[in-house]
Amino acid sequence: MARALASAHHRTVPAPTIVLFDIDGTLVTCGGAGRRAMELAFGDVLGRDDVGRFSFGGMTDRAIVRAATANAQHDEGAIDAVLDRYLAHLETTLPSAEGFAVLPGVVALLDALASKAHVAVGLGTGNLERGAALKLGRAALWDRFAFGGYGSDHEDRARLLRSGAERGAASLGVPLPSARVVIVGDTPRDVAAARALGASVIAVATGGYAAPALADADVVVETLEDARVAARIALA
């Protein structure tokens, strides 16, 4: 009996853990619905539908609009107007996007994490909160995330991740410094923002970047079906 009690006493207690998931390319692929909605918004507000050929991957929504209008010197009001129209168009482009899909392993991973009382599952995404709700609503995943850090919190990705991490810590009832933070994303920008936050990072090659471009992450996997993802997050 004494030996059993000693063993229980020395058993490792899992650390409070906050995991923040990116959306596009990590949880879902939207079949071009986001870019199409942005093009329509540019047409409505600025009279042009060319948003440029650069990749949106890992960028916040506001940063996308700012980059696409960099040479036109539009003010913040114009950027706000584009984003408002973008959200309006997203409500119609998402349902009609034939390529929309939940990515491999996502549902099983969320199911596994839901049973871990020490893990708070949230979002860390450049999407505006309303855009995140629309995208994950179509995927029937929005209710899986009780909190998040969004592009509507900050244009800078590391700062929005901090907002998400702070909300996650509050949901666990612990101060942020006492919690582990794990970021799951699919772009080098996700990795860099996680490093700026001082968080661990898991990179998944289901977006626009192959594994070698994500090598600075702690773990790189081809899909979220890889058992290392849940193991790395839960550590229990």
C-alpha atoms as a PDB file:
ATOM      1  CA  MET A   1       0.000   0.000   0.000  1.00  0.00           C
ATOM      2  CA  ALA A   2       2.767   2.452   0.932  1.00  0.00           C
ATOM      3  CA  ARG A   3       4.524   1.730  -2.364  1.00  0.00           C
ATOM      4  CA  ALA A   4       1.291   2.368  -4.322  1.00  0.00           C
ATOM      5  CA  LEU A   5       0.748   5.666  -2.508  1.00  0.00           C
ATOM      6  CA  ALA A   6       4.304   6.744  -3.219  1.00  0.00           C
ATOM      7  CA  SER A   7       3.859   5.876  -6.889  1.00  0.00           C
ATOM      8  CA  ALA A   8       0.654   7.936  -7.067  1.00  0.00           C
ATOM      9  CA  HIS A   9       2.371  10.831  -5.300  1.00  0.00           C
ATOM     10  CA  HIS A  10       5.156  10.918  -7.869  1.00  0.00           C
ATOM     11  CA  ARG A  11       2.878  10.530 -10.886  1.00  0.00           C
ATOM     12  CA  THR A  12       3.312  13.459 -13.263  1.00  0.00           C
ATOM     13  CA  VAL A  13       0.380  15.854 -13.300  1.00  0.00           C
ATOM     14  CA  PRO A  14      -0.250  17.158 -16.830  1.00  0.00           C
ATOM     15  CA  ALA A  15       0.515  20.847 -17.212  1.00  0.00           C
ATOM     16  CA  PRO A  16      -2.356  23.156 -18.191  1.00  0.00           C
ATOM     17  CA  THR A  17      -2.127  23.354 -21.969  1.00  0.00           C
ATOM     18  CA  ILE A  18      -3.569  25.809 -24.474  1.00  0.00           C
ATOM     19  CA  VAL A  19      -3.661  24.717 -28.104  1.00  0.00           C
ATOM     20  CA  LEU A  20      -4.468  27.266 -30.813  1.00  0.00           C
ATOM     21  CA  PHE A  21      -5.366  26.053 -34.292  1.00  0.00           C
ATOM     22  CA  ASP A  22      -5.026  28.017 -37.498  1.00  0.00           C
ATOM     23  CA  ILE A  23      -8.020  27.580 -39.840  1.00  0.00           C
ATOM     24  CA  ASP A  24      -7.193  27.814 -43.562  1.00  0.00           C
ATOM     25  CA  GLY A  25      -4.945  24.973 -44.660  1.00  0.00           C
ATOM     26  CA  THR A  26      -4.878  23.525 -41.135  1.00  0.00           C
ATOM     27  CA  LEU A  27      -8.489  22.690 -40.260  1.00  0.00           C
ATOM     28  CA  VAL A  28     -10.249  23.288 -43.572  1.00  0.00           C
ATOM     29  CA  THR A  29      -9.676  24.226 -47.169  1.00  0.00           C
ATOM     30  CA  CYS A  30     -12.228  26.704 -48.452  1.00  0.00           C
ATOM     31  CA  GLY A  31     -11.945  26.023 -52.170  1.00  0.00           C
ATOM     32  CA  GLY A  32     -11.023  29.606 -53.020  1.00  0.00           C
ATOM     33  CA  ALA A  33     -14.052  31.099 -51.269  1.00  0.00           C
ATOM     34  CA  GLY A  34     -11.977  33.541 -49.211  1.00  0.00           C
ATOM     35  CA  ARG A  35     -10.010  34.942 -52.146  1.00  0.00           C
ATOM     36  CA  ARG A  36     -13.178  35.252 -54.232  1.00  0.00           C
ATOM     37  CA  ALA A  37     -14.948  37.125 -51.423  1.00  0.00           C
ATOM     38  CA  MET A  38     -11.947  39.458 -51.119  1.00  0.00           C
ATOM     39  CA  GLU A  39     -11.951  40.134 -54.873  1.00  0.00           C
ATOM     40  CA  LEU A  40     -15.649  40.990 -54.786  1.00  0.00           C
ATOM     41  CA  ALA A  41     -15.088  43.303 -51.816  1.00  0.00           C
ATOM     42  CA  PHE A  42     -12.303  45.128 -53.656  1.00  0.00           C
ATOM     43  CA  GLY A  43     -14.643  45.601 -56.582  1.00  0.00           C
ATOM     44  CA  ASP A  44     -17.394  47.002 -54.367  1.00  0.00           C
ATOM     45  CA  VAL A  45     -15.214  49.463 -52.453  1.00  0.00           C
ATOM     46  CA  LEU A  46     -12.243  50.259 -54.673  1.00  0.00           C
ATOM     47  CA  GLY A  47     -13.605  49.584 -58.131  1.00  0.00           C
ATOM     48  CA  ARG A  48     -11.140  46.806 -58.910  1.00  0.00           C
ATOM     49  CA  ASP A  49     -11.133  43.092 -58.268  1.00  0.00           C
ATOM     50  CA  ASP A  50      -7.372  42.500 -58.523  1.00  0.00           C
ATOM     51  CA  VAL A  51      -5.997  41.752 -55.065  1.00  0.00           C
ATOM     52  CA  GLY A  52      -2.610  40.637 -56.350  1.00  0.00           C
ATOM     53  CA  ARG A  53      -0.976  37.280 -56.908  1.00  0.00           C
ATOM     54  CA  PHE A  54       0.627  36.951 -53.465  1.00  0.00           C
ATOM     55  CA  SER A  55      -0.291  34.079 -51.158  1.00  0.00           C
ATOM     56  CA  PHE A  56      -2.723  34.851 -48.339  1.00  0.00           C
ATOM     57  CA  GLY A  57      -1.266  31.974 -46.311  1.00  0.00           C
ATOM     58  CA  GLY A  58      -0.541  32.944 -42.699  1.00  0.00           C
ATOM     59  CA  MET A  59      -1.624  36.573 -43.189  1.00  0.00           C
ATOM     60  CA  THR A  60      -4.305  38.333 -41.184  1.00  0.00           C
ATOM     61  CA  ASP A  61      -7.309  39.612 -43.137  1.00  0.00           C
ATOM     62  CA  ARG A  62      -6.376  43.236 -42.479  1.00  0.00           C
ATOM     63  CA  ALA A  63      -2.772  42.595 -43.539  1.00  0.00           C
ATOM     64  CA  ILE A  64      -4.035  41.079 -46.805  1.00  0.00           C
ATOM     65  CA  VAL A  65      -6.046  44.199 -47.621  1.00  0.00           C
ATOM     66  CA  ARG A  66      -3.170  46.449 -46.589  1.00  0.00           C
ATOM     67  CA  ALA A  67      -0.712  44.537 -48.786  1.00  0.00           C
ATOM     68  CA  ALA A  68      -3.059  44.638 -51.768  1.00  0.00           C
ATOM     69  CA  THR A  69      -3.529  48.409 -51.429  1.00  0.00           C
ATOM     70  CA  ALA A  70       0.027  49.299 -50.400  1.00  0.00           C
ATOM     71  CA  ASN A  71       0.697  51.525 -53.398  1.00  0.00           C
ATOM     72  CA  ALA A  72      -2.695  53.251 -53.299  1.00  0.00           C
ATOM     73  CA  GLN A  73      -2.324  54.833 -49.850  1.00  0.00           C
ATOM     74  CA  HIS A  74      -5.853  53.980 -48.717  1.00  0.00           C
ATOM     75  CA  ASP A  75      -6.723  54.963 -45.161  1.00  0.00           C
ATOM     76  CA  GLU A  76      -7.961  52.692 -42.382  1.00  0.00           C
ATOM     77  CA  GLY A  77     -11.563  53.580 -43.197  1.00  0.00           C
ATOM     78  CA  ALA A  78     -11.199  52.161 -46.694  1.00  0.00           C
ATOM     79  CA  ILE A  79      -9.611  49.004 -45.303  1.00  0.00           C
ATOM     80  CA  ASP A  80     -12.494  48.644 -42.838  1.00  0.00           C
ATOM     81  CA  ALA A  81     -14.987  49.057 -45.691  1.00  0.00           C
ATOM     82  CA  VAL A  82     -13.278  46.332 -47.727  1.00  0.00           C
ATOM     83  CA  LEU A  83     -13.313  43.975 -44.751  1.00  0.00           C
ATOM     84  CA  ASP A  84     -17.007  44.618 -44.108  1.00  0.00           C
ATOM     85  CA  ARG A  85     -17.838  43.780 -47.719  1.00  0.00           C
ATOM     86  CA  TYR A  86     -15.525  40.771 -47.601  1.00  0.00           C
ATOM     87  CA  LEU A  87     -17.522  39.304 -44.717  1.00  0.00           C
ATOM     88  CA  ALA A  88     -20.781  39.953 -46.538  1.00  0.00           C
ATOM     89  CA  HIS A  89     -19.532  38.177 -49.668  1.00  0.00           C
ATOM     90  CA  LEU A  90     -18.066  35.297 -47.673  1.00  0.00           C
ATOM     91  CA  GLU A  91     -21.608  34.374 -46.650  1.00  0.00           C
ATOM     92  CA  THR A  92     -22.360  33.564 -50.294  1.00  0.00           C
ATOM     93  CA  THR A  93     -18.997  32.337 -51.615  1.00  0.00           C
ATOM     94  CA  LEU A  94     -18.575  29.696 -48.906  1.00  0.00           C
ATOM     95  CA  PRO A  95     -21.778  27.737 -49.601  1.00  0.00           C
ATOM     96  CA  SER A  96     -21.004  27.667 -53.333  1.00  0.00           C
ATOM     97  CA  ALA A  97     -17.334  26.654 -53.006  1.00  0.00           C
ATOM     98  CA  GLU A  98     -17.117  23.151 -54.432  1.00  0.00           C
ATOM     99  CA  GLY A  99     -13.627  22.554 -53.072  1.00  0.00           C
ATOM    100  CA  PHE A 100     -14.541  23.191 -49.446  1.00  0.00           C
ATOM    101  CA  ALA A 101     -13.402  20.319 -47.179  1.00  0.00           C
ATOM    102  CA  VAL A 102     -12.431  19.475 -43.623  1.00  0.00           C
ATOM    103  CA  LEU A 103      -8.823  18.323 -43.729  1.00  0.00           C
ATOM    104  CA  PRO A 104      -7.687  14.791 -42.802  1.00  0.00           C
ATOM    105  CA  GLY A 105      -7.474  13.956 -39.112  1.00  0.00           C
ATOM    106  CA  VAL A 106      -9.118  17.146 -37.858  1.00  0.00           C
ATOM    107  CA  VAL A 107     -12.308  15.681 -36.402  1.00  0.00           C
ATOM    108  CA  ALA A 108     -10.554  12.714 -34.775  1.00  0.00           C
ATOM    109  CA  LEU A 109      -7.941  14.996 -33.228  1.00  0.00           C
ATOM    110  CA  LEU A 110     -10.548  17.370 -31.807  1.00  0.00           C
ATOM    111  CA  ASP A 111     -12.451  14.378 -30.425  1.00  0.00           C
ATOM    112  CA  ALA A 112      -9.304  13.100 -28.710  1.00  0.00           C
ATOM    113  CA  LEU A 113      -8.464  16.492 -27.185  1.00  0.00           C
ATOM    114  CA  ALA A 114     -12.017  17.019 -25.934  1.00  0.00           C
ATOM    115  CA  SER A 115     -11.459  14.310 -23.312  1.00  0.00           C
ATOM    116  CA  LYS A 116      -8.369  16.047 -21.861  1.00  0.00           C
ATOM    117  CA  ALA A 117      -9.437  18.251 -18.951  1.00  0.00           C
ATOM    118  CA  HIS A 118      -6.051  19.985 -18.829  1.00  0.00           C
ATOM    119  CA  VAL A 119      -6.206  21.040 -22.502  1.00  0.00           C
ATOM    120  CA  ALA A 120      -8.059  24.167 -23.678  1.00  0.00           C
ATOM    121  CA  VAL A 121      -8.758  24.033 -27.403  1.00  0.00           C
ATOM    122  CA  GLY A 122      -8.988  27.343 -29.255  1.00  0.00           C
ATOM    123  CA  LEU A 123      -8.205  29.154 -32.477  1.00  0.00           C
ATOM    124  CA  GLY A 124      -5.214  31.253 -33.502  1.00  0.00           C
ATOM    125  CA  THR A 125      -6.155  32.625 -36.903  1.00  0.00           C
ATOM    126  CA  GLY A 126      -5.686  35.650 -39.102  1.00  0.00           C
ATOM    127  CA  ASN A 127      -9.376  35.482 -39.988  1.00  0.00           C
ATOM    128  CA  LEU A 128     -11.669  38.095 -38.534  1.00  0.00           C
ATOM    129  CA  GLU A 129     -13.785  36.410 -35.859  1.00  0.00           C
ATOM    130  CA  ARG A 130     -16.912  36.587 -38.026  1.00  0.00           C
ATOM    131  CA  GLY A 131     -15.025  35.058 -40.948  1.00  0.00           C
ATOM    132  CA  ALA A 132     -13.745  32.264 -38.719  1.00  0.00           C
ATOM    133  CA  ALA A 133     -17.308  31.555 -37.593  1.00  0.00           C
ATOM    134  CA  LEU A 134     -18.554  31.410 -41.181  1.00  0.00           C
ATOM    135  CA  LYS A 135     -15.807  29.069 -42.354  1.00  0.00           C
ATOM    136  CA  LEU A 136     -15.988  26.702 -39.403  1.00  0.00           C
ATOM    137  CA  GLY A 137     -19.763  26.943 -39.346  1.00  0.00           C
ATOM    138  CA  ARG A 138     -19.911  25.403 -42.806  1.00  0.00           C
ATOM    139  CA  ALA A 139     -17.613  22.648 -41.531  1.00  0.00           C
ATOM    140  CA  ALA A 140     -19.785  22.104 -38.416  1.00  0.00           C
ATOM    141  CA  LEU A 141     -16.685  22.803 -36.297  1.00  0.00           C
ATOM    142  CA  TRP A 142     -17.313  26.278 -34.871  1.00  0.00           C
ATOM    143  CA  ASP A 143     -18.763  24.934 -31.620  1.00  0.00           C
ATOM    144  CA  ARG A 144     -15.570  22.941 -31.010  1.00  0.00           C
ATOM    145  CA  PHE A 145     -13.673  26.130 -30.097  1.00  0.00           C
ATOM    146  CA  ALA A 146     -14.660  28.062 -26.977  1.00  0.00           C
ATOM    147  CA  PHE A 147     -12.193  30.912 -27.537  1.00  0.00           C
ATOM    148  CA  GLY A 148      -9.573  32.189 -29.915  1.00  0.00           C
ATOM    149  CA  GLY A 149      -7.242  34.906 -31.086  1.00  0.00           C
ATOM    150  CA  TYR A 150      -8.419  36.478 -34.337  1.00  0.00           C
ATOM    151  CA  GLY A 151      -7.404  38.925 -37.029  1.00  0.00           C
ATOM    152  CA  SER A 152     -10.022  41.218 -35.535  1.00  0.00           C
ATOM    153  CA  ASP A 153      -7.927  41.325 -32.337  1.00  0.00           C
ATOM    154  CA  HIS A 154      -4.650  42.356 -33.960  1.00  0.00           C
ATOM    155  CA  GLU A 155      -3.177  42.720 -37.424  1.00  0.00           C
ATOM    156  CA  ASP A 156       0.088  41.231 -36.135  1.00  0.00           C
ATOM    157  CA  ARG A 157      -0.126  37.457 -35.911  1.00  0.00           C
ATOM    158  CA  ALA A 158       2.013  37.036 -32.786  1.00  0.00           C
ATOM    159  CA  ARG A 159      -0.163  39.546 -30.913  1.00  0.00           C
ATOM    160  CA  LEU A 160      -3.412  37.839 -31.883  1.00  0.00           C
ATOM    161  CA  LEU A 161      -1.946  34.519 -30.753  1.00  0.00           C
ATOM    162  CA  ARG A 162      -1.210  36.089 -27.387  1.00  0.00           C
ATOM    163  CA  SER A 163      -4.840  37.222 -27.148  1.00  0.00           C
ATOM    164  CA  GLY A 164      -5.949  33.656 -27.837  1.00  0.00           C
ATOM    165  CA  ALA A 165      -3.498  32.256 -25.315  1.00  0.00           C
ATOM    166  CA  GLU A 166      -4.716  34.675 -22.642  1.00  0.00           C
ATOM    167  CA  ARG A 167      -8.316  33.618 -23.251  1.00  0.00           C
ATOM    168  CA  GLY A 168      -7.279  29.990 -23.087  1.00  0.00           C
ATOM    169  CA  ALA A 169      -5.528  30.516 -19.767  1.00  0.00           C
ATOM    170  CA  ALA A 170      -8.639  32.229 -18.412  1.00  0.00           C
ATOM    171  CA  SER A 171     -10.753  29.259 -19.489  1.00  0.00           C
ATOM    172  CA  LEU A 172      -8.432  26.940 -17.565  1.00  0.00           C
ATOM    173  CA  GLY A 173      -8.411  29.249 -14.552  1.00  0.00           C
ATOM    174  CA  VAL A 174      -4.634  29.646 -14.545  1.00  0.00           C
ATOM    175  CA  PRO A 175      -2.218  32.521 -15.247  1.00  0.00           C
ATOM    176  CA  LEU A 176      -0.761  32.360 -18.752  1.00  0.00           C
ATOM    177  CA  PRO A 177       2.871  31.936 -17.568  1.00  0.00           C
ATOM    178  CA  SER A 178       1.925  28.676 -15.855  1.00  0.00           C
ATOM    179  CA  ALA A 179       0.451  27.117 -19.000  1.00  0.00           C
ATOM    180  CA  ARG A 180       1.983  25.452 -22.024  1.00  0.00           C
ATOM    181  CA  VAL A 181       0.977  26.988 -25.349  1.00  0.00           C
ATOM    182  CA  VAL A 182       1.000  24.936 -28.549  1.00  0.00           C
ATOM    183  CA  ILE A 183       0.296  26.462 -31.959  1.00  0.00           C
ATOM    184  CA  VAL A 184      -0.880  24.296 -34.867  1.00  0.00           C
ATOM    185  CA  GLY A 185      -0.540  25.849 -38.315  1.00  0.00           C
ATOM    186  CA  ASP A 186       0.436  25.248 -41.905  1.00  0.00           C
ATOM    187  CA  THR A 187       2.643  28.191 -42.948  1.00  0.00           C
ATOM    188  CA  PRO A 188       6.053  29.625 -42.078  1.00  0.00           C
ATOM    189  CA  ARG A 189       4.210  32.688 -40.741  1.00  0.00           C
ATOM    190  CA  ASP A 190       2.444  30.456 -38.211  1.00  0.00           C
ATOM    191  CA  VAL A 191       5.799  29.066 -37.124  1.00  0.00           C
ATOM    192  CA  ALA A 192       7.404  32.505 -36.835  1.00  0.00           C
ATOM    193  CA  ALA A 193       4.494  33.922 -34.823  1.00  0.00           C
ATOM    194  CA  ALA A 194       4.574  30.958 -32.455  1.00  0.00           C
ATOM    195  CA  ARG A 195       8.300  31.504 -31.912  1.00  0.00           C
ATOM    196  CA  ALA A 196       7.691  35.206 -31.217  1.00  0.00           C
ATOM    197  CA  LEU A 197       5.146  34.183 -28.592  1.00  0.00           C
ATOM    198  CA  GLY A 198       7.526  31.631 -27.079  1.00  0.00           C
ATOM    199  CA  ALA A 199       5.113  28.785 -27.843  1.00  0.00           C
ATOM    200  CA  SER A 200       5.664  25.285 -29.149  1.00  0.00           C
ATOM    201  CA  VAL A 201       4.570  24.795 -32.735  1.00  0.00           C
ATOM    202  CA  ILE A 202       3.308  21.891 -34.800  1.00  0.00           C
ATOM    203  CA  ALA A 203       3.289  22.452 -38.561  1.00  0.00           C
ATOM    204  CA  VAL A 204       1.101  20.452 -40.929  1.00  0.00           C
ATOM    205  CA  ALA A 205       1.747  20.274 -44.678  1.00  0.00           C
ATOM    206  CA  THR A 206      -1.909  20.381 -45.745  1.00  0.00           C
ATOM    207  CA  GLY A 207      -1.806  24.026 -46.822  1.00  0.00           C
ATOM    208  CA  GLY A 208       0.371  25.623 -49.469  1.00  0.00           C
ATOM    209  CA  TYR A 209       3.740  24.650 -47.982  1.00  0.00           C
ATOM    210  CA  ALA A 210       5.557  21.334 -48.109  1.00  0.00           C
ATOM    211  CA  ALA A 211       7.328  19.937 -45.076  1.00  0.00           C
ATOM    212  CA  PRO A 212      10.810  21.375 -45.855  1.00  0.00           C
ATOM    213  CA  ALA A 213       9.439  24.938 -45.737  1.00  0.00           C
ATOM    214  CA  LEU A 214       8.061  24.243 -42.250  1.00  0.00           C
ATOM    215  CA  ALA A 215      11.232  22.727 -40.815  1.00  0.00           C
ATOM    216  CA  ASP A 216      11.611  25.362 -38.073  1.00  0.00           C
ATOM    217  CA  ALA A 217       8.575  23.917 -36.259  1.00  0.00           C
ATOM    218  CA  ASP A 218       9.029  21.538 -33.323  1.00  0.00           C
ATOM    219  CA  VAL A 219       7.107  18.845 -35.181  1.00  0.00           C
ATOM    220  CA  VAL A 220       6.234  18.699 -38.891  1.00  0.00           C
ATOM    221  CA  VAL A 221       3.572  16.256 -40.103  1.00  0.00           C
ATOM    222  CA  GLU A 222       1.937  15.576 -43.441  1.00  0.00           C
ATOM    223  CA  THR A 223      -1.588  15.549 -41.972  1.00  0.00           C
ATOM    224  CA  LEU A 224      -3.200  15.860 -38.551  1.00  0.00           C
ATOM    225  CA  GLU A 225      -3.817  12.121 -38.687  1.00  0.00           C
ATOM    226  CA  ASP A 226      -0.241  11.693 -37.454  1.00  0.00           C
ATOM    227  CA  ALA A 227      -0.349  10.368 -33.872  1.00  0.00           C
ATOM    228  CA  ARG A 228       2.515  12.657 -32.865  1.00  0.00           C
ATOM    229  CA  VAL A 229       0.172  15.660 -32.972  1.00  0.00           C
ATOM    230  CA  ALA A 230      -2.173  14.562 -30.180  1.00  0.00           C
ATOM    231  CA  ALA A 231       0.768  13.192 -28.190  1.00  0.00           C
ATOM    232  CA  ARG A 232       2.680  16.464 -28.462  1.00  0.00           C
ATOM    233  CA  ILE A 233      -0.330  18.550 -27.432  1.00  0.00           C
ATOM    234  CA  ALA A 234      -1.616  16.472 -24.546  1.00  0.00           C
ATOM    235  CA  LEU A 235       1.666  15.055 -23.154  1.00  0.00           C
ATOM    236  CA  ALA A 236      -0.477  12.672 -21.126  1.00  0.00           C
END
